[in-house]
Amino acid sequence: MKILIVILVFILMEGATWLIHKYIMHGFLWVLHRDHHDHSNDGELEKNDWFFVIFALPTIALMYNGSLQNFNYLFYIGLGIMLYGMAYFFVHDIFIHQRIKYFTHTQNPYFLALRRAHKQHHKHLGKEEGECFGFLYVPFKYIKIYFKSASK
């Protein structure tokens, strides 16, 4: 049952990410997210990186409180969120934006489609008119491009 909680939370995080990205990061917290789109930051860090802290705090609280209560469901909810956050870091920051130069080349159609969808999101420098707000979900039109070319 505990592993099901972790898997379910990980999957549900994609929907939560879409909502948070579209309505909060491109909404009232655009002030923190803007430099991720327009590259107006100086140095390696962005104001956008504060979202790591914002999302880590409730995750830590869930895992801590769940561990104090004999590792109840709260711990496993926090674990699912943490694993999603780790996946986000590796795929978004390392693979897509290449903030750490590692795993930059791939021929995998899914990862190529994921990168393309994210580039479509970033073609909009303002907070309006965005698209592809999710993270691991890739719209079919991008997947179709790369799976067709891979099968040739």
Foldseek 3Di string as FASTA:
>chain_A
DLVVLLVVLLVVVQVVQLCCQQDPCLHPVVVQNLCVQVVPDPDLDGSVCCVVVVQVVLLVVQLVVCVVVVNDNSNSSSNSSVVSVVVCCCLPVCAQVNSPVDPPDDLDLLSQLQNVLVVQQSVDSHSPPGDDSGHNDGPPVSSVVSVVVVVD
